[in-house]
Amino acid sequence: MIVRSGRPPKEMQNAAAERIIETATELFAKRGFAGTSMEQVASHCGAGKDTVYRRFPSKVALFEAVVENAHKRAVARLKDLPHADGNALERLRALMCELLHINMEPDLIAFKRITFSEAVVFEKRGPIPPQPDPIMGRLIDAVYEAQQDGAIGGGDAGSIASHLIHCLVALPTSVAMMGGDQFKEAHAIDVHFENTWNWLIKGVAKQHRT
C-alpha cells in the first residue's frame, strides 16, 4: 500500500474551498455575520477548523470570498443572458431587468445587509467586490450601444448606467435590506421595473399633442 503524505492535490484543495464557501453562503444568509462563526462553518461542511482557517484566515476573509463567489455567479448569469431580439434599447432593458432580479435574490440581499451593517470592518479592506466591476462594464457598454443606435440621448455612459442602477435596482434592494416586504413578490418587482423603465425612457411630463 502506498501512503501519500504532504499537501492534497490542487483539485481536492479547490473542492474543499468550494464546499466551505457553499456552506458559509448558507450560514451567512440565514444567520448574518455576527451569528455565524468559523467553527459553525467547519462543523456544517464537515471540515476541520484548521482546514477552514488555512484557506480563510478570518471570518471577514471568508465573507469576502462568499461575496466574490456570488458576484462571479451573477457575472456568469448575465453572460448567459440570451440576446434580446430587437434594437439596442431592448437589449439594455433585458440586461437591467435581469440585474434587478439577481440583486433581489435573498442571499444577495442578506450579503448587502451584512456589508452595510459591518461597513467599518469592510471599508478598511477595500470595496466588495473588488473594482473594476465587469457587471458595471457590461452595463456601460449596453448604454453606449443604445446611444449609438439613437435610442437614448447623449451624455456620459457611465453616469447614465449609474443612474439606471440607482433608479431601477437601488430602491427595491434598499427596501428589502431594511426588512420591508413591498417587493417581496416577484410581481411587485416586475411592476416596479416596468413603471420606472417607462418613466425613465418616456419621461414623466405630460405629452402634448400638436
N, C-alpha and C. Protein backbone atom coordinates (compact mmCIF):
# COMPACT_ATOMS: atom_id res chain seq x y z
N MET A 1 0.85 -1.20 0.00
CA MET A 1 0.00 0.00 0.00
C MET A 1 0.88 1.24 0.00
N ILE A 2 0.48 2.23 -0.83
CA ILE A 2 1.24 3.47 -0.92
C ILE A 2 0.60 4.50 -0.01
N VAL A 3 1.37 5.01 0.88
CA VAL A 3 0.90 6.03 1.80
C VAL A 3 1.34 7.39 1.29
N ARG A 4 0.37 8.24 0.99
CA ARG A 4 0.69 9.57 0.47
C ARG A 4 0.83 10.55 1.63
N SER A 5 1.73 11.45 1.50
CA SER A 5 1.94 12.46 2.52
C SER A 5 2.03 13.82 1.85
N GLY A 6 2.08 14.83 2.67
CA GLY A 6 2.17 16.18 2.12
C GLY A 6 0.80 16.76 1.85
N ARG A 7 0.76 17.83 1.07
CA ARG A 7 -0.48 18.54 0.81
C ARG A 7 -1.33 17.77 -0.19
N PRO A 8 -2.65 17.83 -0.07
CA PRO A 8 -3.53 17.15 -1.02
C PRO A 8 -3.46 17.80 -2.39
N PRO A 9 -3.86 17.06 -3.45
CA PRO A 9 -3.81 17.62 -4.80
C PRO A 9 -4.63 18.91 -4.88
N LYS A 10 -4.28 19.74 -5.88
CA LYS A 10 -4.93 21.04 -6.04
C LYS A 10 -6.43 20.88 -6.24
N GLU A 11 -6.84 19.80 -6.96
CA GLU A 11 -8.26 19.59 -7.20
C GLU A 11 -9.01 19.39 -5.89
N MET A 12 -8.40 18.65 -4.97
CA MET A 12 -9.03 18.41 -3.68
C MET A 12 -9.08 19.69 -2.85
N GLN A 13 -8.01 20.49 -2.95
CA GLN A 13 -8.00 21.76 -2.23
C GLN A 13 -9.10 22.68 -2.74
N ASN A 14 -9.26 22.73 -4.07
CA ASN A 14 -10.30 23.57 -4.65
C ASN A 14 -11.68 23.09 -4.25
N ALA A 15 -11.86 21.77 -4.23
CA ALA A 15 -13.16 21.22 -3.85
C ALA A 15 -13.47 21.54 -2.40
N ALA A 16 -12.47 21.48 -1.54
CA ALA A 16 -12.66 21.80 -0.12
C ALA A 16 -13.03 23.26 0.05
N ALA A 17 -12.32 24.13 -0.68
CA ALA A 17 -12.62 25.56 -0.60
C ALA A 17 -14.03 25.86 -1.09
N GLU A 18 -14.45 25.21 -2.17
CA GLU A 18 -15.80 25.40 -2.70
C GLU A 18 -16.84 24.93 -1.70
N ARG A 19 -16.58 23.82 -1.03
CA ARG A 19 -17.52 23.30 -0.03
C ARG A 19 -17.64 24.27 1.15
N ILE A 20 -16.51 24.81 1.56
CA ILE A 20 -16.52 25.78 2.66
C ILE A 20 -17.31 27.03 2.27
N ILE A 21 -17.07 27.53 1.06
CA ILE A 21 -17.77 28.74 0.60
C ILE A 21 -19.26 28.48 0.48
N GLU A 22 -19.62 27.33 -0.04
CA GLU A 22 -21.05 26.99 -0.19
C GLU A 22 -21.74 26.94 1.17
N THR A 23 -21.07 26.31 2.14
CA THR A 23 -21.64 26.24 3.49
C THR A 23 -21.72 27.62 4.12
N ALA A 24 -20.65 28.40 3.99
CA ALA A 24 -20.64 29.75 4.56
C ALA A 24 -21.71 30.63 3.92
N THR A 25 -21.96 30.44 2.64
CA THR A 25 -23.00 31.20 1.96
C THR A 25 -24.35 30.98 2.62
N GLU A 26 -24.67 29.73 2.89
CA GLU A 26 -25.95 29.41 3.53
C GLU A 26 -26.03 29.98 4.94
N LEU A 27 -24.95 29.86 5.70
CA LEU A 27 -24.96 30.31 7.09
C LEU A 27 -25.01 31.83 7.19
N PHE A 28 -24.20 32.52 6.40
CA PHE A 28 -24.22 33.99 6.43
C PHE A 28 -25.61 34.51 6.02
N ALA A 29 -26.20 33.89 5.00
CA ALA A 29 -27.50 34.34 4.52
C ALA A 29 -28.59 34.13 5.57
N LYS A 30 -28.50 33.04 6.32
CA LYS A 30 -29.54 32.72 7.31
C LYS A 30 -29.29 33.39 8.66
N ARG A 31 -28.03 33.45 9.09
CA ARG A 31 -27.72 33.88 10.45
C ARG A 31 -27.05 35.24 10.54
N GLY A 32 -26.65 35.79 9.40
CA GLY A 32 -25.95 37.06 9.44
C GLY A 32 -24.47 36.87 9.73
N PHE A 33 -23.76 37.99 9.79
CA PHE A 33 -22.31 37.94 10.01
C PHE A 33 -22.00 37.61 11.47
N ALA A 34 -22.62 38.33 12.39
CA ALA A 34 -22.34 38.11 13.81
C ALA A 34 -22.81 36.73 14.27
N GLY A 35 -23.87 36.22 13.65
CA GLY A 35 -24.42 34.94 14.07
C GLY A 35 -23.75 33.73 13.46
N THR A 36 -22.73 33.96 12.66
CA THR A 36 -22.00 32.87 12.02
C THR A 36 -20.57 32.85 12.51
N SER A 37 -20.10 31.69 12.90
CA SER A 37 -18.71 31.55 13.37
C SER A 37 -17.94 30.61 12.45
N MET A 38 -16.66 30.72 12.48
CA MET A 38 -15.81 29.82 11.70
C MET A 38 -16.00 28.38 12.14
N GLU A 39 -16.22 28.19 13.43
CA GLU A 39 -16.44 26.85 13.96
C GLU A 39 -17.72 26.24 13.40
N GLN A 40 -18.78 27.07 13.27
CA GLN A 40 -20.04 26.59 12.70
C GLN A 40 -19.86 26.20 11.24
N VAL A 41 -19.12 27.00 10.51
CA VAL A 41 -18.86 26.69 9.11
C VAL A 41 -18.12 25.36 9.00
N ALA A 42 -17.10 25.18 9.81
CA ALA A 42 -16.33 23.93 9.79
C ALA A 42 -17.21 22.74 10.12
N SER A 43 -18.06 22.90 11.13
CA SER A 43 -18.92 21.80 11.55
C SER A 43 -19.94 21.43 10.48
N HIS A 44 -20.54 22.43 9.86
CA HIS A 44 -21.60 22.17 8.88
C HIS A 44 -21.06 21.60 7.57
N CYS A 45 -19.83 21.94 7.21
CA CYS A 45 -19.31 21.43 5.94
C CYS A 45 -18.44 20.19 6.14
N GLY A 46 -18.28 19.75 7.39
CA GLY A 46 -17.53 18.53 7.65
C GLY A 46 -16.03 18.68 7.52
N ALA A 47 -15.54 19.89 7.65
CA ALA A 47 -14.11 20.13 7.57
C ALA A 47 -13.57 20.50 8.94
N GLY A 48 -12.30 20.28 9.14
CA GLY A 48 -11.69 20.66 10.39
C GLY A 48 -11.53 22.18 10.47
N LYS A 49 -11.54 22.71 11.69
CA LYS A 49 -11.40 24.15 11.85
C LYS A 49 -10.07 24.63 11.27
N ASP A 50 -9.03 23.83 11.43
CA ASP A 50 -7.73 24.21 10.88
C ASP A 50 -7.79 24.30 9.36
N THR A 51 -8.56 23.42 8.74
CA THR A 51 -8.70 23.44 7.28
C THR A 51 -9.36 24.73 6.82
N VAL A 52 -10.39 25.15 7.54
CA VAL A 52 -11.08 26.39 7.20
C VAL A 52 -10.15 27.58 7.36
N TYR A 53 -9.45 27.64 8.50
CA TYR A 53 -8.56 28.78 8.75
C TYR A 53 -7.36 28.79 7.81
N ARG A 54 -6.95 27.63 7.34
CA ARG A 54 -5.82 27.59 6.42
C ARG A 54 -6.17 28.25 5.08
N ARG A 55 -7.42 28.11 4.68
CA ARG A 55 -7.85 28.70 3.42
C ARG A 55 -8.40 30.12 3.59
N PHE A 56 -9.01 30.37 4.73
CA PHE A 56 -9.60 31.68 5.00
C PHE A 56 -9.19 32.09 6.41
N PRO A 57 -8.18 32.96 6.55
CA PRO A 57 -7.58 33.26 7.85
C PRO A 57 -8.49 34.00 8.83
N SER A 58 -9.63 34.51 8.36
CA SER A 58 -10.53 35.22 9.27
C SER A 58 -11.95 35.11 8.73
N LYS A 59 -12.92 35.46 9.58
CA LYS A 59 -14.32 35.45 9.14
C LYS A 59 -14.56 36.50 8.08
N VAL A 60 -13.88 37.64 8.18
CA VAL A 60 -14.01 38.68 7.17
C VAL A 60 -13.50 38.16 5.83
N ALA A 61 -12.37 37.48 5.83
CA ALA A 61 -11.82 36.93 4.59
C ALA A 61 -12.77 35.89 3.99
N LEU A 62 -13.40 35.09 4.84
CA LEU A 62 -14.35 34.09 4.37
C LEU A 62 -15.57 34.77 3.75
N PHE A 63 -16.08 35.81 4.42
CA PHE A 63 -17.25 36.50 3.89
C PHE A 63 -16.92 37.15 2.55
N GLU A 64 -15.74 37.73 2.44
CA GLU A 64 -15.33 38.34 1.18
C GLU A 64 -15.29 37.29 0.07
N ALA A 65 -14.83 36.08 0.40
CA ALA A 65 -14.80 35.00 -0.60
C ALA A 65 -16.21 34.60 -1.00
N VAL A 66 -17.14 34.61 -0.04
CA VAL A 66 -18.53 34.29 -0.32
C VAL A 66 -19.13 35.32 -1.26
N VAL A 67 -18.89 36.60 -0.99
CA VAL A 67 -19.42 37.68 -1.84
C VAL A 67 -18.80 37.61 -3.24
N GLU A 68 -17.50 37.36 -3.29
CA GLU A 68 -16.83 37.26 -4.59
C GLU A 68 -17.41 36.11 -5.40
N ASN A 69 -17.71 34.99 -4.73
CA ASN A 69 -18.28 33.85 -5.42
C ASN A 69 -19.68 34.18 -5.95
N ALA A 70 -20.49 34.87 -5.13
CA ALA A 70 -21.82 35.29 -5.56
C ALA A 70 -21.73 36.24 -6.75
N HIS A 71 -20.73 37.11 -6.71
CA HIS A 71 -20.54 38.06 -7.81
C HIS A 71 -20.16 37.33 -9.09
N LYS A 72 -19.33 36.32 -8.99
CA LYS A 72 -18.94 35.54 -10.16
C LYS A 72 -20.15 34.82 -10.75
N ARG A 73 -21.03 34.31 -9.89
CA ARG A 73 -22.25 33.67 -10.37
C ARG A 73 -23.13 34.66 -11.12
N ALA A 74 -23.21 35.88 -10.60
CA ALA A 74 -24.01 36.91 -11.25
C ALA A 74 -23.43 37.27 -12.62
N VAL A 75 -22.11 37.39 -12.69
CA VAL A 75 -21.44 37.69 -13.96
C VAL A 75 -21.74 36.59 -14.98
N ALA A 76 -21.65 35.33 -14.54
CA ALA A 76 -21.91 34.20 -15.43
C ALA A 76 -23.37 34.19 -15.88
N ARG A 77 -24.27 34.52 -14.97
CA ARG A 77 -25.70 34.55 -15.32
C ARG A 77 -25.99 35.62 -16.35
N LEU A 78 -25.38 36.78 -16.21
CA LEU A 78 -25.59 37.84 -17.18
C LEU A 78 -24.92 37.51 -18.52
N LYS A 79 -23.80 36.80 -18.43
CA LYS A 79 -23.10 36.39 -19.65
C LYS A 79 -23.95 35.42 -20.45
N ASP A 80 -24.70 34.56 -19.75
CA ASP A 80 -25.55 33.56 -20.41
C ASP A 80 -26.91 34.13 -20.80
N LEU A 81 -27.16 35.40 -20.49
CA LEU A 81 -28.44 36.02 -20.83
C LEU A 81 -28.61 36.03 -22.34
N PRO A 82 -29.70 35.43 -22.83
CA PRO A 82 -29.90 35.43 -24.29
C PRO A 82 -30.00 36.85 -24.82
N HIS A 83 -29.44 37.07 -25.97
CA HIS A 83 -29.53 38.40 -26.58
C HIS A 83 -30.98 38.69 -26.95
N ALA A 84 -31.48 39.78 -26.44
CA ALA A 84 -32.86 40.14 -26.70
C ALA A 84 -33.03 40.50 -28.17
N ASP A 85 -34.16 40.08 -28.71
CA ASP A 85 -34.46 40.46 -30.09
C ASP A 85 -34.73 41.96 -30.14
N GLY A 86 -34.48 42.54 -31.28
CA GLY A 86 -34.79 43.95 -31.43
C GLY A 86 -33.54 44.81 -31.37
N ASN A 87 -33.74 46.05 -30.95
CA ASN A 87 -32.67 47.03 -31.00
C ASN A 87 -31.86 47.06 -29.72
N ALA A 88 -30.90 47.99 -29.69
CA ALA A 88 -30.00 48.10 -28.55
C ALA A 88 -30.75 48.49 -27.28
N LEU A 89 -31.84 49.24 -27.41
CA LEU A 89 -32.61 49.63 -26.24
C LEU A 89 -33.26 48.42 -25.58
N GLU A 90 -33.75 47.49 -26.38
CA GLU A 90 -34.35 46.27 -25.85
C GLU A 90 -33.30 45.41 -25.16
N ARG A 91 -32.09 45.40 -25.69
CA ARG A 91 -31.02 44.63 -25.05
C ARG A 91 -30.63 45.27 -23.72
N LEU A 92 -30.60 46.60 -23.68
CA LEU A 92 -30.31 47.29 -22.42
C LEU A 92 -31.41 47.01 -21.41
N ARG A 93 -32.66 47.03 -21.85
CA ARG A 93 -33.79 46.76 -20.97
C ARG A 93 -33.69 45.34 -20.38
N ALA A 94 -33.41 44.37 -21.21
CA ALA A 94 -33.31 42.98 -20.74
C ALA A 94 -32.17 42.83 -19.73
N LEU A 95 -31.06 43.50 -19.98
CA LEU A 95 -29.92 43.43 -19.07
C LEU A 95 -30.27 44.04 -17.72
N MET A 96 -30.92 45.20 -17.72
CA MET A 96 -31.29 45.86 -16.48
C MET A 96 -32.32 45.03 -15.70
N CYS A 97 -33.26 44.43 -16.40
CA CYS A 97 -34.28 43.62 -15.74
C CYS A 97 -33.66 42.41 -15.05
N GLU A 98 -32.74 41.74 -15.74
CA GLU A 98 -32.07 40.59 -15.15
C GLU A 98 -31.21 41.00 -13.97
N LEU A 99 -30.55 42.14 -14.08
CA LEU A 99 -29.71 42.64 -13.00
C LEU A 99 -30.54 42.94 -11.76
N LEU A 100 -31.73 43.49 -11.95
CA LEU A 100 -32.63 43.75 -10.83
C LEU A 100 -33.02 42.45 -10.14
N HIS A 101 -33.42 41.45 -10.91
CA HIS A 101 -33.85 40.19 -10.31
C HIS A 101 -32.69 39.48 -9.60
N ILE A 102 -31.49 39.58 -10.14
CA ILE A 102 -30.33 38.99 -9.47
C ILE A 102 -30.12 39.64 -8.12
N ASN A 103 -30.16 40.97 -8.09
CA ASN A 103 -29.91 41.70 -6.84
C ASN A 103 -31.00 41.51 -5.80
N MET A 104 -32.18 41.08 -6.23
CA MET A 104 -33.28 40.86 -5.29
C MET A 104 -33.32 39.45 -4.74
N GLU A 105 -32.37 38.61 -5.12
CA GLU A 105 -32.32 37.25 -4.57
C GLU A 105 -31.99 37.32 -3.08
N PRO A 106 -32.63 36.49 -2.25
CA PRO A 106 -32.49 36.58 -0.79
C PRO A 106 -31.06 36.55 -0.28
N ASP A 107 -30.21 35.70 -0.86
CA ASP A 107 -28.85 35.63 -0.33
C ASP A 107 -28.08 36.92 -0.62
N LEU A 108 -28.30 37.53 -1.80
CA LEU A 108 -27.62 38.77 -2.09
C LEU A 108 -28.14 39.93 -1.24
N ILE A 109 -29.43 39.92 -0.95
CA ILE A 109 -29.97 40.92 -0.04
C ILE A 109 -29.32 40.78 1.33
N ALA A 110 -29.17 39.54 1.79
CA ALA A 110 -28.54 39.29 3.09
C ALA A 110 -27.09 39.77 3.09
N PHE A 111 -26.38 39.54 2.01
CA PHE A 111 -24.98 39.97 1.94
C PHE A 111 -24.87 41.49 1.91
N LYS A 112 -25.79 42.15 1.21
CA LYS A 112 -25.79 43.61 1.20
C LYS A 112 -26.06 44.15 2.61
N ARG A 113 -26.97 43.50 3.32
CA ARG A 113 -27.30 43.92 4.68
C ARG A 113 -26.07 43.77 5.58
N ILE A 114 -25.35 42.68 5.43
CA ILE A 114 -24.14 42.45 6.22
C ILE A 114 -23.09 43.51 5.90
N THR A 115 -22.88 43.74 4.61
CA THR A 115 -21.88 44.73 4.20
C THR A 115 -22.21 46.10 4.74
N PHE A 116 -23.50 46.44 4.75
CA PHE A 116 -23.93 47.74 5.27
C PHE A 116 -23.73 47.81 6.78
N SER A 117 -24.14 46.77 7.49
CA SER A 117 -24.06 46.79 8.96
C SER A 117 -22.62 46.69 9.46
N GLU A 118 -21.75 46.06 8.67
CA GLU A 118 -20.34 45.90 9.06
C GLU A 118 -19.44 46.81 8.23
N ALA A 119 -19.97 47.97 7.84
CA ALA A 119 -19.26 48.86 6.92
C ALA A 119 -17.86 49.22 7.41
N VAL A 120 -17.72 49.47 8.69
CA VAL A 120 -16.42 49.87 9.22
C VAL A 120 -15.38 48.78 9.00
N VAL A 121 -15.77 47.54 9.18
CA VAL A 121 -14.85 46.42 9.01
C VAL A 121 -14.42 46.28 7.57
N PHE A 122 -15.39 46.31 6.66
CA PHE A 122 -15.08 46.04 5.26
C PHE A 122 -14.44 47.21 4.55
N GLU A 123 -14.76 48.44 4.94
CA GLU A 123 -14.16 49.59 4.29
C GLU A 123 -12.65 49.63 4.50
N LYS A 124 -12.18 49.05 5.58
CA LYS A 124 -10.74 49.01 5.83
C LYS A 124 -10.01 48.09 4.86
N ARG A 125 -10.76 47.19 4.23
CA ARG A 125 -10.15 46.21 3.35
C ARG A 125 -10.44 46.50 1.88
N GLY A 126 -11.17 47.56 1.59
CA GLY A 126 -11.47 47.90 0.21
C GLY A 126 -12.87 47.49 -0.19
N PRO A 127 -13.28 47.88 -1.39
CA PRO A 127 -14.65 47.62 -1.84
C PRO A 127 -14.91 46.14 -2.07
N ILE A 128 -16.19 45.75 -1.90
CA ILE A 128 -16.62 44.38 -2.17
C ILE A 128 -17.72 44.45 -3.22
N PRO A 129 -17.60 43.79 -4.38
CA PRO A 129 -16.40 43.10 -4.85
C PRO A 129 -15.33 44.09 -5.31
N PRO A 130 -14.10 43.60 -5.52
CA PRO A 130 -13.03 44.49 -5.97
C PRO A 130 -13.39 45.15 -7.30
N GLN A 131 -12.85 46.31 -7.52
CA GLN A 131 -13.08 47.05 -8.76
C GLN A 131 -11.91 46.83 -9.72
N PRO A 132 -12.08 47.00 -11.04
CA PRO A 132 -13.32 47.38 -11.71
C PRO A 132 -14.31 46.23 -11.76
N ASP A 133 -15.58 46.55 -11.83
CA ASP A 133 -16.65 45.57 -11.80
C ASP A 133 -17.06 45.23 -13.23
N PRO A 134 -16.92 43.96 -13.65
CA PRO A 134 -17.29 43.60 -15.03
C PRO A 134 -18.77 43.78 -15.31
N ILE A 135 -19.62 43.67 -14.28
CA ILE A 135 -21.05 43.88 -14.49
C ILE A 135 -21.30 45.33 -14.88
N MET A 136 -20.68 46.25 -14.16
CA MET A 136 -20.83 47.66 -14.48
C MET A 136 -20.26 47.94 -15.86
N GLY A 137 -19.16 47.30 -16.20
CA GLY A 137 -18.57 47.49 -17.51
C GLY A 137 -19.51 47.06 -18.62
N ARG A 138 -20.20 45.94 -18.41
CA ARG A 138 -21.14 45.48 -19.44
C ARG A 138 -22.32 46.43 -19.56
N LEU A 139 -22.80 46.93 -18.43
CA LEU A 139 -23.92 47.85 -18.45
C LEU A 139 -23.55 49.15 -19.18
N ILE A 140 -22.36 49.66 -18.92
CA ILE A 140 -21.90 50.87 -19.61
C ILE A 140 -21.83 50.63 -21.11
N ASP A 141 -21.34 49.46 -21.51
CA ASP A 141 -21.29 49.13 -22.94
C ASP A 141 -22.68 49.10 -23.55
N ALA A 142 -23.65 48.55 -22.80
CA ALA A 142 -25.02 48.47 -23.31
C ALA A 142 -25.64 49.86 -23.46
N VAL A 143 -25.33 50.74 -22.51
CA VAL A 143 -25.81 52.12 -22.61
C VAL A 143 -25.21 52.80 -23.84
N TYR A 144 -23.92 52.60 -24.03
CA TYR A 144 -23.23 53.22 -25.17
C TYR A 144 -23.81 52.72 -26.49
N GLU A 145 -24.11 51.42 -26.57
CA GLU A 145 -24.70 50.86 -27.79
C GLU A 145 -26.07 51.47 -28.07
N ALA A 146 -26.85 51.68 -27.00
CA ALA A 146 -28.17 52.31 -27.17
C ALA A 146 -28.03 53.75 -27.61
N GLN A 147 -27.00 54.42 -27.15
CA GLN A 147 -26.73 55.80 -27.60
C GLN A 147 -26.35 55.81 -29.08
N GLN A 148 -25.48 54.88 -29.46
CA GLN A 148 -25.05 54.81 -30.85
C GLN A 148 -26.21 54.46 -31.78
N ASP A 149 -27.17 53.73 -31.24
CA ASP A 149 -28.34 53.33 -32.01
C ASP A 149 -29.38 54.45 -32.08
N GLY A 150 -29.13 55.54 -31.33
CA GLY A 150 -30.05 56.65 -31.33
C GLY A 150 -31.27 56.44 -30.45
N ALA A 151 -31.23 55.41 -29.59
CA ALA A 151 -32.39 55.10 -28.76
C ALA A 151 -32.47 55.98 -27.52
N ILE A 152 -31.32 56.41 -27.02
CA ILE A 152 -31.30 57.31 -25.87
C ILE A 152 -30.34 58.45 -26.17
N GLY A 153 -30.47 59.53 -25.41
CA GLY A 153 -29.66 60.71 -25.66
C GLY A 153 -28.21 60.53 -25.30
N GLY A 154 -27.44 61.54 -25.64
CA GLY A 154 -26.02 61.50 -25.35
C GLY A 154 -25.73 61.78 -23.89
N GLY A 155 -24.45 61.83 -23.59
CA GLY A 155 -24.03 62.00 -22.21
C GLY A 155 -23.07 60.90 -21.83
N ASP A 156 -22.46 61.05 -20.68
CA ASP A 156 -21.50 60.04 -20.22
C ASP A 156 -22.21 58.73 -19.94
N ALA A 157 -21.79 57.67 -20.63
CA ALA A 157 -22.45 56.37 -20.50
C ALA A 157 -22.32 55.82 -19.08
N GLY A 158 -21.20 56.09 -18.43
CA GLY A 158 -21.01 55.61 -17.06
C GLY A 158 -21.99 56.25 -16.10
N SER A 159 -22.19 57.56 -16.25
CA SER A 159 -23.13 58.27 -15.38
C SER A 159 -24.56 57.79 -15.61
N ILE A 160 -24.91 57.59 -16.88
CA ILE A 160 -26.25 57.09 -17.19
C ILE A 160 -26.45 55.70 -16.59
N ALA A 161 -25.45 54.85 -16.72
CA ALA A 161 -25.54 53.50 -16.16
C ALA A 161 -25.73 53.56 -14.64
N SER A 162 -25.01 54.45 -13.98
CA SER A 162 -25.14 54.59 -12.53
C SER A 162 -26.55 55.03 -12.15
N HIS A 163 -27.12 55.95 -12.91
CA HIS A 163 -28.48 56.42 -12.63
C HIS A 163 -29.50 55.32 -12.87
N LEU A 164 -29.29 54.51 -13.89
CA LEU A 164 -30.20 53.38 -14.14
C LEU A 164 -30.20 52.43 -12.95
N ILE A 165 -29.01 52.13 -12.43
CA ILE A 165 -28.92 51.25 -11.27
C ILE A 165 -29.60 51.87 -10.06
N HIS A 166 -29.36 53.16 -9.87
CA HIS A 166 -29.95 53.85 -8.72
C HIS A 166 -31.48 53.81 -8.79
N CYS A 167 -32.04 54.07 -9.95
CA CYS A 167 -33.49 54.15 -10.08
C CYS A 167 -34.15 52.77 -10.12
N LEU A 168 -33.55 51.84 -10.83
CA LEU A 168 -34.19 50.55 -11.07
C LEU A 168 -33.84 49.49 -10.03
N VAL A 169 -32.64 49.56 -9.47
CA VAL A 169 -32.17 48.49 -8.58
C VAL A 169 -32.05 48.94 -7.12
N ALA A 170 -31.54 50.13 -6.89
CA ALA A 170 -31.23 50.54 -5.52
C ALA A 170 -32.46 50.65 -4.64
N LEU A 171 -33.57 51.16 -5.17
CA LEU A 171 -34.77 51.33 -4.35
C LEU A 171 -35.30 50.01 -3.81
N PRO A 172 -35.62 49.03 -4.65
CA PRO A 172 -36.17 47.78 -4.10
C PRO A 172 -35.18 47.01 -3.23
N THR A 173 -33.89 47.05 -3.59
CA THR A 173 -32.92 46.33 -2.75
C THR A 173 -32.78 47.00 -1.39
N SER A 174 -32.83 48.32 -1.35
CA SER A 174 -32.75 49.04 -0.07
C SER A 174 -33.94 48.72 0.81
N VAL A 175 -35.13 48.68 0.21
CA VAL A 175 -36.34 48.32 0.97
C VAL A 175 -36.20 46.92 1.54
N ALA A 176 -35.74 45.98 0.72
CA ALA A 176 -35.58 44.60 1.17
C ALA A 176 -34.52 44.50 2.26
N MET A 177 -33.43 45.24 2.12
CA MET A 177 -32.37 45.23 3.12
C MET A 177 -32.88 45.68 4.49
N MET A 178 -33.79 46.63 4.48
CA MET A 178 -34.31 47.17 5.73
C MET A 178 -35.47 46.35 6.28
N GLY A 179 -35.77 45.24 5.63
CA GLY A 179 -36.81 44.34 6.13
C GLY A 179 -38.19 44.60 5.59
N GLY A 180 -38.35 45.55 4.66
CA GLY A 180 -39.65 45.83 4.08
C GLY A 180 -40.11 44.72 3.15
N ASP A 181 -41.42 44.55 3.03
CA ASP A 181 -41.95 43.49 2.18
C ASP A 181 -42.65 44.03 0.94
N GLN A 182 -42.40 45.31 0.63
CA GLN A 182 -43.03 45.94 -0.53
C GLN A 182 -42.71 45.21 -1.82
N PHE A 183 -41.50 44.66 -1.91
CA PHE A 183 -41.07 43.98 -3.13
C PHE A 183 -40.83 42.49 -2.88
N LYS A 184 -41.58 41.93 -1.95
CA LYS A 184 -41.39 40.53 -1.60
C LYS A 184 -41.81 39.61 -2.74
N GLU A 185 -42.88 39.97 -3.44
CA GLU A 185 -43.39 39.14 -4.53
C GLU A 185 -42.73 39.53 -5.85
N ALA A 186 -42.52 38.53 -6.69
CA ALA A 186 -41.89 38.79 -7.99
C ALA A 186 -42.71 39.76 -8.82
N HIS A 187 -44.03 39.69 -8.68
CA HIS A 187 -44.90 40.59 -9.44
C HIS A 187 -44.63 42.05 -9.09
N ALA A 188 -44.41 42.32 -7.81
CA ALA A 188 -44.15 43.69 -7.37
C ALA A 188 -42.83 44.20 -7.95
N ILE A 189 -41.85 43.31 -8.05
CA ILE A 189 -40.56 43.69 -8.65
C ILE A 189 -40.75 44.04 -10.11
N ASP A 190 -41.55 43.22 -10.81
CA ASP A 190 -41.78 43.46 -12.23
C ASP A 190 -42.54 44.76 -12.47
N VAL A 191 -43.52 45.05 -11.61
CA VAL A 191 -44.28 46.29 -11.74
C VAL A 191 -43.36 47.49 -11.53
N HIS A 192 -42.52 47.41 -10.50
CA HIS A 192 -41.56 48.50 -10.26
C HIS A 192 -40.68 48.71 -11.47
N PHE A 193 -40.18 47.63 -12.05
CA PHE A 193 -39.29 47.76 -13.19
C PHE A 193 -40.02 48.40 -14.38
N GLU A 194 -41.19 47.88 -14.71
CA GLU A 194 -41.91 48.39 -15.87
C GLU A 194 -42.24 49.87 -15.71
N ASN A 195 -42.77 50.25 -14.55
CA ASN A 195 -43.13 51.65 -14.34
C ASN A 195 -41.92 52.56 -14.41
N THR A 196 -40.86 52.17 -13.69
CA THR A 196 -39.67 53.02 -13.63
C THR A 196 -38.98 53.10 -14.99
N TRP A 197 -38.90 51.97 -15.69
CA TRP A 197 -38.28 51.97 -17.01
C TRP A 197 -39.04 52.91 -17.96
N ASN A 198 -40.37 52.82 -17.95
CA ASN A 198 -41.16 53.68 -18.83
C ASN A 198 -40.98 55.15 -18.47
N TRP A 199 -40.93 55.46 -17.17
CA TRP A 199 -40.71 56.85 -16.77
C TRP A 199 -39.36 57.36 -17.23
N LEU A 200 -38.35 56.50 -17.11
CA LEU A 200 -37.00 56.91 -17.50
C LEU A 200 -36.90 57.12 -19.01
N ILE A 201 -37.50 56.24 -19.78
CA ILE A 201 -37.36 56.30 -21.23
C ILE A 201 -38.30 57.32 -21.86
N LYS A 202 -39.55 57.35 -21.37
CA LYS A 202 -40.55 58.23 -21.98
C LYS A 202 -40.68 59.57 -21.26
N GLY A 203 -40.19 59.65 -20.02
CA GLY A 203 -40.33 60.87 -19.24
C GLY A 203 -41.66 60.88 -18.51
N VAL A 204 -41.78 61.76 -17.54
CA VAL A 204 -43.00 61.84 -16.74
C VAL A 204 -43.82 63.09 -17.06
N ALA A 205 -43.27 63.93 -17.90
CA ALA A 205 -44.02 65.13 -18.29
C ALA A 205 -45.18 64.73 -19.20
N LYS A 206 -46.28 65.43 -19.09
CA LYS A 206 -47.44 65.18 -19.92
C LYS A 206 -47.09 65.45 -21.38
N GLN A 207 -47.44 64.50 -22.22
CA GLN A 207 -47.14 64.65 -23.64
C GLN A 207 -48.22 65.50 -24.31
N HIS A 208 -47.81 66.57 -24.97
CA HIS A 208 -48.76 67.46 -25.64
C HIS A 208 -48.83 67.09 -27.12
N ARG A 209 -50.05 66.92 -27.56
CA ARG A 209 -50.25 66.61 -28.98
C ARG A 209 -50.33 67.90 -29.79
N THR A 210 -49.76 67.85 -30.94
CA THR A 210 -49.79 69.04 -31.81
C THR A 210 -50.65 68.76 -33.03
